[in-house]
PDB file of N, CA and C in Angstrom:
ATOM      1  N   MET A   1       9.821   4.042  15.661  1.00  0.00           N
ATOM      2  CA  MET A   1       8.714   3.400  14.970  1.00  0.00           C
ATOM      3  C   MET A   1       7.695   2.940  16.008  1.00  0.00           C
ATOM      4  N   GLN A   2       6.429   3.303  15.797  1.00  0.00           N
ATOM      5  CA  GLN A   2       5.357   2.871  16.684  1.00  0.00           C
ATOM      6  C   GLN A   2       4.683   1.654  16.054  1.00  0.00           C
ATOM      7  N   MET A   3       4.902   0.489  16.677  1.00  0.00           N
ATOM      8  CA  MET A   3       4.424  -0.755  16.071  1.00  0.00           C
ATOM      9  C   MET A   3       2.913  -0.777  15.884  1.00  0.00           C
ATOM     10  N   GLY A   4       2.145  -0.258  16.835  1.00  0.00           N
ATOM     11  CA  GLY A   4       0.693  -0.246  16.689  1.00  0.00           C
ATOM     12  C   GLY A   4       0.268   0.540  15.467  1.00  0.00           C
ATOM     13  N   LYS A   5       0.891   1.681  15.270  1.00  0.00           N
ATOM     14  CA  LYS A   5       0.564   2.510  14.121  1.00  0.00           C
ATOM     15  C   LYS A   5       1.006   1.823  12.827  1.00  0.00           C
ATOM     16  N   CYS A   6       2.195   1.227  12.844  1.00  0.00           N
ATOM     17  CA  CYS A   6       2.684   0.521  11.656  1.00  0.00           C
ATOM     18  C   CYS A   6       1.769  -0.647  11.294  1.00  0.00           C
ATOM     19  N   LYS A   7       1.285  -1.350  12.293  1.00  0.00           N
ATOM     20  CA  LYS A   7       0.377  -2.467  12.031  1.00  0.00           C
ATOM     21  C   LYS A   7      -0.883  -1.964  11.334  1.00  0.00           C
ATOM     22  N   ASN A   8      -1.400  -0.832  11.776  1.00  0.00           N
ATOM     23  CA  ASN A   8      -2.586  -0.256  11.149  1.00  0.00           C
ATOM     24  C   ASN A   8      -2.292   0.198   9.719  1.00  0.00           C
ATOM     25  N   ILE A   9      -1.166   0.843   9.516  1.00  0.00           N
ATOM     26  CA  ILE A   9      -0.819   1.340   8.182  1.00  0.00           C
ATOM     27  C   ILE A   9      -0.587   0.193   7.206  1.00  0.00           C
ATOM     28  N   THR A  10       0.125  -0.850   7.624  1.00  0.00           N
ATOM     29  CA  THR A  10       0.346  -1.972   6.711  1.00  0.00           C
ATOM     30  C   THR A  10      -0.971  -2.685   6.401  1.00  0.00           C
ATOM     31  N   ARG A  11      -1.870  -2.728   7.367  1.00  0.00           N
ATOM     32  CA  ARG A  11      -3.195  -3.308   7.106  1.00  0.00           C
ATOM     33  C   ARG A  11      -3.928  -2.480   6.058  1.00  0.00           C
ATOM     34  N   LEU A  12      -3.868  -1.154   6.194  1.00  0.00           N
ATOM     35  CA  LEU A  12      -4.525  -0.286   5.215  1.00  0.00           C
ATOM     36  C   LEU A  12      -3.907  -0.432   3.830  1.00  0.00           C
ATOM     37  N   LEU A  13      -2.581  -0.537   3.765  1.00  0.00           N
ATOM     38  CA  LEU A  13      -1.931  -0.727   2.470  1.00  0.00           C
ATOM     39  C   LEU A  13      -2.373  -2.035   1.821  1.00  0.00           C
ATOM     40  N   SER A  14      -2.529  -3.068   2.618  1.00  0.00           N
ATOM     41  CA  SER A  14      -3.030  -4.344   2.098  1.00  0.00           C
ATOM     42  C   SER A  14      -4.497  -4.236   1.695  1.00  0.00           C
ATOM     43  N   ASP A  15      -5.293  -3.558   2.529  1.00  0.00           N
ATOM     44  CA  ASP A  15      -6.710  -3.372   2.213  1.00  0.00           C
ATOM     45  C   ASP A  15      -6.898  -2.641   0.891  1.00  0.00           C
ATOM     46  N   ALA A  16      -5.985  -1.709   0.597  1.00  0.00           N
ATOM     47  CA  ALA A  16      -6.095  -0.924  -0.637  1.00  0.00           C
ATOM     48  C   ALA A  16      -6.020  -1.799  -1.889  1.00  0.00           C
ATOM     49  N   LEU A  17      -5.477  -2.997  -1.752  1.00  0.00           N
ATOM     50  CA  LEU A  17      -5.437  -3.924  -2.885  1.00  0.00           C
ATOM     51  C   LEU A  17      -6.815  -4.496  -3.183  1.00  0.00           C
ATOM     52  N   ASP A  18      -7.695  -4.521  -2.164  1.00  0.00           N
ATOM     53  CA  ASP A  18      -8.988  -5.182  -2.289  1.00  0.00           C
ATOM     54  C   ASP A  18     -10.193  -4.251  -2.300  1.00  0.00           C
ATOM     55  N   ARG A  19     -10.006  -3.040  -1.809  1.00  0.00           N
ATOM     56  CA  ARG A  19     -11.145  -2.123  -1.723  1.00  0.00           C
ATOM     57  C   ARG A  19     -10.655  -0.686  -1.780  1.00  0.00           C
ATOM     58  N   PRO A  20     -11.549   0.220  -2.170  1.00  0.00           N
ATOM     59  CA  PRO A  20     -11.169   1.643  -2.130  1.00  0.00           C
ATOM     60  C   PRO A  20     -11.057   2.104  -0.677  1.00  0.00           C
ATOM     61  N   LEU A  21     -10.009   2.833  -0.378  1.00  0.00           N
ATOM     62  CA  LEU A  21      -9.852   3.370   0.969  1.00  0.00           C
ATOM     63  C   LEU A  21     -10.596   4.693   1.081  1.00  0.00           C
ATOM     64  N   THR A  22     -10.975   5.026   2.305  1.00  0.00           N
ATOM     65  CA  THR A  22     -11.622   6.316   2.551  1.00  0.00           C
ATOM     66  C   THR A  22     -10.567   7.416   2.511  1.00  0.00           C
ATOM     67  N   THR A  23     -11.030   8.625   2.416  1.00  0.00           N
ATOM     68  CA  THR A  23     -10.111   9.764   2.436  1.00  0.00           C
ATOM     69  C   THR A  23      -9.313   9.773   3.739  1.00  0.00           C
ATOM     70  N   GLY A  24      -9.963   9.503   4.845  1.00  0.00           N
ATOM     71  CA  GLY A  24      -9.279   9.478   6.136  1.00  0.00           C
ATOM     72  C   GLY A  24      -8.198   8.412   6.204  1.00  0.00           C
ATOM     73  N   GLU A  25      -8.464   7.255   5.593  1.00  0.00           N
ATOM     74  CA  GLU A  25      -7.463   6.187   5.573  1.00  0.00           C
ATOM     75  C   GLU A  25      -6.246   6.601   4.746  1.00  0.00           C
ATOM     76  N   TRP A  26      -6.483   7.240   3.587  1.00  0.00           N
ATOM     77  CA  TRP A  26      -5.365   7.701   2.770  1.00  0.00           C
ATOM     78  C   TRP A  26      -4.574   8.781   3.488  1.00  0.00           C
ATOM     79  N   VAL A  27      -5.266   9.659   4.208  1.00  0.00           N
ATOM     80  CA  VAL A  27      -4.575  10.706   4.968  1.00  0.00           C
ATOM     81  C   VAL A  27      -3.661  10.073   6.016  1.00  0.00           C
ATOM     82  N   ALA A  28      -4.164   9.067   6.727  1.00  0.00           N
ATOM     83  CA  ALA A  28      -3.355   8.384   7.742  1.00  0.00           C
ATOM     84  C   ALA A  28      -2.103   7.783   7.109  1.00  0.00           C
ATOM     85  N   ILE A  29      -2.254   7.163   5.950  1.00  0.00           N
ATOM     86  CA  ILE A  29      -1.114   6.570   5.247  1.00  0.00           C
ATOM     87  C   ILE A  29      -0.127   7.662   4.842  1.00  0.00           C
ATOM     88  N   ARG A  30      -0.629   8.720   4.245  1.00  0.00           N
ATOM     89  CA  ARG A  30       0.240   9.791   3.749  1.00  0.00           C
ATOM     90  C   ARG A  30       0.987  10.506   4.874  1.00  0.00           C
ATOM     91  N   LEU A  31       0.386  10.605   6.046  1.00  0.00           N
ATOM     92  CA  LEU A  31       1.061  11.237   7.174  1.00  0.00           C
ATOM     93  C   LEU A  31       2.125  10.319   7.785  1.00  0.00           C
ATOM     94  N   HIS A  32       1.887   9.023   7.721  1.00  0.00           N
ATOM     95  CA  HIS A  32       2.791   8.068   8.354  1.00  0.00           C
ATOM     96  C   HIS A  32       4.000   7.712   7.484  1.00  0.00           C
ATOM     97  N   LEU A  33       3.800   7.518   6.201  1.00  0.00           N
ATOM     98  CA  LEU A  33       4.868   7.012   5.338  1.00  0.00           C
ATOM     99  C   LEU A  33       6.149   7.860   5.320  1.00  0.00           C
ATOM    100  N   PRO A  34       6.067   9.184   5.324  1.00  0.00           N
ATOM    101  CA  PRO A  34       7.315   9.952   5.290  1.00  0.00           C
ATOM    102  C   PRO A  34       8.227   9.711   6.497  1.00  0.00           C
ATOM    103  N   THR A  35       7.656   9.249   7.593  1.00  0.00           N
ATOM    104  CA  THR A  35       8.451   9.069   8.803  1.00  0.00           C
ATOM    105  C   THR A  35       8.796   7.613   9.098  1.00  0.00           C
ATOM    106  N   CYS A  36       8.384   6.684   8.227  1.00  0.00           N
ATOM    107  CA  CYS A  36       8.565   5.267   8.555  1.00  0.00           C
ATOM    108  C   CYS A  36       9.097   4.480   7.355  1.00  0.00           C
ATOM    109  N   SER A  37      10.377   4.175   7.399  1.00  0.00           N
ATOM    110  CA  SER A  37      10.987   3.427   6.298  1.00  0.00           C
ATOM    111  C   SER A  37      10.452   1.995   6.228  1.00  0.00           C
ATOM    112  N   GLY A  38      10.089   1.416   7.360  1.00  0.00           N
ATOM    113  CA  GLY A  38       9.548   0.061   7.359  1.00  0.00           C
ATOM    114  C   GLY A  38       8.253  -0.038   6.571  1.00  0.00           C
ATOM    115  N   CYS A  39       7.361   0.908   6.779  1.00  0.00           N
ATOM    116  CA  CYS A  39       6.084   0.900   6.051  1.00  0.00           C
ATOM    117  C   CYS A  39       6.280   1.267   4.581  1.00  0.00           C
ATOM    118  N   ARG A  40       7.223   2.156   4.297  1.00  0.00           N
ATOM    119  CA  ARG A  40       7.528   2.455   2.888  1.00  0.00           C
ATOM    120  C   ARG A  40       8.055   1.207   2.186  1.00  0.00           C
ATOM    121  N   ASN A  41       8.925   0.460   2.854  1.00  0.00           N
ATOM    122  CA  ASN A  41       9.443  -0.784   2.275  1.00  0.00           C
ATOM    123  C   ASN A  41       8.327  -1.797   2.070  1.00  0.00           C
ATOM    124  N   TYR A  42       7.412  -1.891   3.032  1.00  0.00           N
ATOM    125  CA  TYR A  42       6.277  -2.808   2.903  1.00  0.00           C
ATOM    126  C   TYR A  42       5.449  -2.434   1.673  1.00  0.00           C
ATOM    127  N   ARG A  43       5.190  -1.137   1.486  1.00  0.00           N
ATOM    128  CA  ARG A  43       4.410  -0.687   0.322  1.00  0.00           C
ATOM    129  C   ARG A  43       5.117  -1.077  -0.967  1.00  0.00           C
ATOM    130  N   LYS A  44       6.432  -0.889  -1.029  1.00  0.00           N
ATOM    131  CA  LYS A  44       7.192  -1.271  -2.225  1.00  0.00           C
ATOM    132  C   LYS A  44       7.104  -2.773  -2.481  1.00  0.00           C
ATOM    133  N   GLN A  45       7.192  -3.561  -1.411  1.00  0.00           N
ATOM    134  CA  GLN A  45       7.145  -5.016  -1.556  1.00  0.00           C
ATOM    135  C   GLN A  45       5.788  -5.495  -2.061  1.00  0.00           C
ATOM    136  N   ILE A  46       4.692  -4.935  -1.522  1.00  0.00           N
ATOM    137  CA  ILE A  46       3.391  -5.414  -1.996  1.00  0.00           C
ATOM    138  C   ILE A  46       3.126  -4.948  -3.424  1.00  0.00           C
ATOM    139  N   ARG A  47       3.658  -3.773  -3.787  1.00  0.00           N
ATOM    140  CA  ARG A  47       3.536  -3.332  -5.185  1.00  0.00           C
ATOM    141  C   ARG A  47       4.277  -4.291  -6.111  1.00  0.00           C
ATOM    142  N   LEU A  48       5.497  -4.657  -5.726  1.00  0.00           N
ATOM    143  CA  LEU A  48       6.298  -5.576  -6.533  1.00  0.00           C
ATOM    144  C   LEU A  48       5.596  -6.920  -6.690  1.00  0.00           C
ATOM    145  N   LEU A  49       5.062  -7.450  -5.597  1.00  0.00           N
ATOM    146  CA  LEU A  49       4.340  -8.723  -5.669  1.00  0.00           C
ATOM    147  C   LEU A  49       3.100  -8.616  -6.548  1.00  0.00           C
ATOM    148  N   ARG A  50       2.387  -7.503  -6.433  1.00  0.00           N
ATOM    149  CA  ARG A  50       1.181  -7.302  -7.248  1.00  0.00           C
ATOM    150  C   ARG A  50       1.545  -7.240  -8.730  1.00  0.00           C
ATOM    151  N   GLU A  51       2.592  -6.484  -9.054  1.00  0.00           N
ATOM    152  CA  GLU A  51       3.025  -6.379 -10.449  1.00  0.00           C
ATOM    153  C   GLU A  51       3.496  -7.725 -10.987  1.00  0.00           C
ATOM    154  N   ALA A  52       4.231  -8.482 -10.167  1.00  0.00           N
ATOM    155  CA  ALA A  52       4.708  -9.798 -10.598  1.00  0.00           C
ATOM    156  C   ALA A  52       3.538 -10.743 -10.856  1.00  0.00           C
ATOM    157  N   ALA A  53       2.548 -10.710  -9.986  1.00  0.00           N
ATOM    158  CA  ALA A  53       1.380 -11.569 -10.163  1.00  0.00           C
ATOM    159  C   ALA A  53       0.618 -11.191 -11.428  1.00  0.00           C
ATOM    160  N   ARG A  54       0.495  -9.905 -11.680  1.00  0.00           N
ATOM    161  CA  ARG A  54      -0.193  -9.459 -12.900  1.00  0.00           C
ATOM    162  C   ARG A  54       0.583  -9.856 -14.146  1.00  0.00           C
ATOM    163  N   THR A  55       1.885  -9.710 -14.092  1.00  0.00           N
ATOM    164  CA  THR A  55       2.716 -10.079 -15.235  1.00  0.00           C
ATOM    165  C   THR A  55       2.573 -11.569 -15.534  1.00  0.00           C
ATOM    166  N   MET A  56       2.633 -12.378 -14.484  1.00  0.00           N
ATOM    167  CA  MET A  56       2.535 -13.824 -14.667  1.00  0.00           C
ATOM    168  C   MET A  56       1.148 -14.247 -15.152  1.00  0.00           C
ATOM    169  N   SER A  57       0.109 -13.517 -14.757  1.00  0.00           N
ATOM    170  CA  SER A  57      -1.250 -13.902 -15.137  1.00  0.00           C
ATOM    171  C   SER A  57      -1.702 -13.245 -16.437  1.00  0.00           C
ATOM    172  N   GLY A  58      -0.962 -12.236 -16.886  1.00  0.00           N
ATOM    173  CA  GLY A  58      -1.330 -11.539 -18.112  1.00  0.00           C
ATOM    174  C   GLY A  58      -2.420 -10.509 -17.920  1.00  0.00           C
ATOM    175  N   ILE A  59      -2.739 -10.166 -16.678  1.00  0.00           N
ATOM    176  CA  ILE A  59      -3.777  -9.174 -16.396  1.00  0.00           C
ATOM    177  C   ILE A  59      -3.166  -7.787 -16.469  1.00  0.00           C
ATOM    178  N   SER A  60      -3.861  -6.860 -17.153  1.00  0.00           N
ATOM    179  CA  SER A  60      -3.357  -5.488 -17.212  1.00  0.00           C
ATOM    180  C   SER A  60      -3.692  -4.774 -15.906  1.00  0.00           C
ATOM    181  N   ALA A  61      -2.877  -3.797 -15.556  1.00  0.00           N
ATOM    182  CA  ALA A  61      -3.026  -3.092 -14.278  1.00  0.00           C
ATOM    183  C   ALA A  61      -4.075  -1.995 -14.379  1.00  0.00           C
ATOM    184  N   PRO A  62      -5.162  -2.085 -13.560  1.00  0.00           N
ATOM    185  CA  PRO A  62      -6.123  -0.983 -13.494  1.00  0.00           C
ATOM    186  C   PRO A  62      -5.579   0.105 -12.583  1.00  0.00           C
ATOM    187  N   GLY A  63      -6.391   1.130 -12.276  1.00  0.00           N
ATOM    188  CA  GLY A  63      -5.986   2.200 -11.358  1.00  0.00           C
ATOM    189  C   GLY A  63      -5.751   1.635  -9.975  1.00  0.00           C
ATOM    190  N   GLY A  64      -5.714   2.479  -8.973  1.00  0.00           N
ATOM    191  CA  GLY A  64      -5.492   2.003  -7.611  1.00  0.00           C
ATOM    192  C   GLY A  64      -4.142   2.427  -7.103  1.00  0.00           C
ATOM    193  N   MET A  65      -3.422   1.518  -6.509  1.00  0.00           N
ATOM    194  CA  MET A  65      -2.179   1.862  -5.841  1.00  0.00           C
ATOM    195  C   MET A  65      -1.031   2.162  -6.802  1.00  0.00           C
ATOM    196  N   ASN A  66      -1.161   1.803  -8.078  1.00  0.00           N
ATOM    197  CA  ASN A  66      -0.032   2.003  -8.989  1.00  0.00           C
ATOM    198  C   ASN A  66       0.428   3.453  -9.046  1.00  0.00           C
ATOM    199  N   GLY A  67      -0.491   4.414  -9.031  1.00  0.00           N
ATOM    200  CA  GLY A  67      -0.102   5.801  -9.123  1.00  0.00           C
ATOM    201  C   GLY A  67       0.042   6.499  -7.797  1.00  0.00           C
ATOM    202  N   GLU A  68      -0.183   5.805  -6.712  1.00  0.00           N
ATOM    203  CA  GLU A  68      -0.127   6.424  -5.397  1.00  0.00           C
ATOM    204  C   GLU A  68       1.309   6.480  -4.891  1.00  0.00           C
ATOM    205  N   ASP A  69       1.830   7.638  -4.673  1.00  0.00           N
ATOM    206  CA  ASP A  69       3.165   7.796  -4.085  1.00  0.00           C
ATOM    207  C   ASP A  69       3.049   8.709  -2.976  1.00  0.00           C
TER     208      ASP A  69
END
């Protein structure tokens, strides 16, 4: 695991919650995730937290990271 790269990928995964990512940013994520269980786990955790927050607030889920695998 390359920590510098993981730090960038987790930042991008977090950024995706607040803004649309560029094609290049999504490519970087898609190339990195298959080789890094830590970043895959981070993505699962932020999805779970996002879904829990939406459930508790009653907000329906728009597009975005929900369909991204």
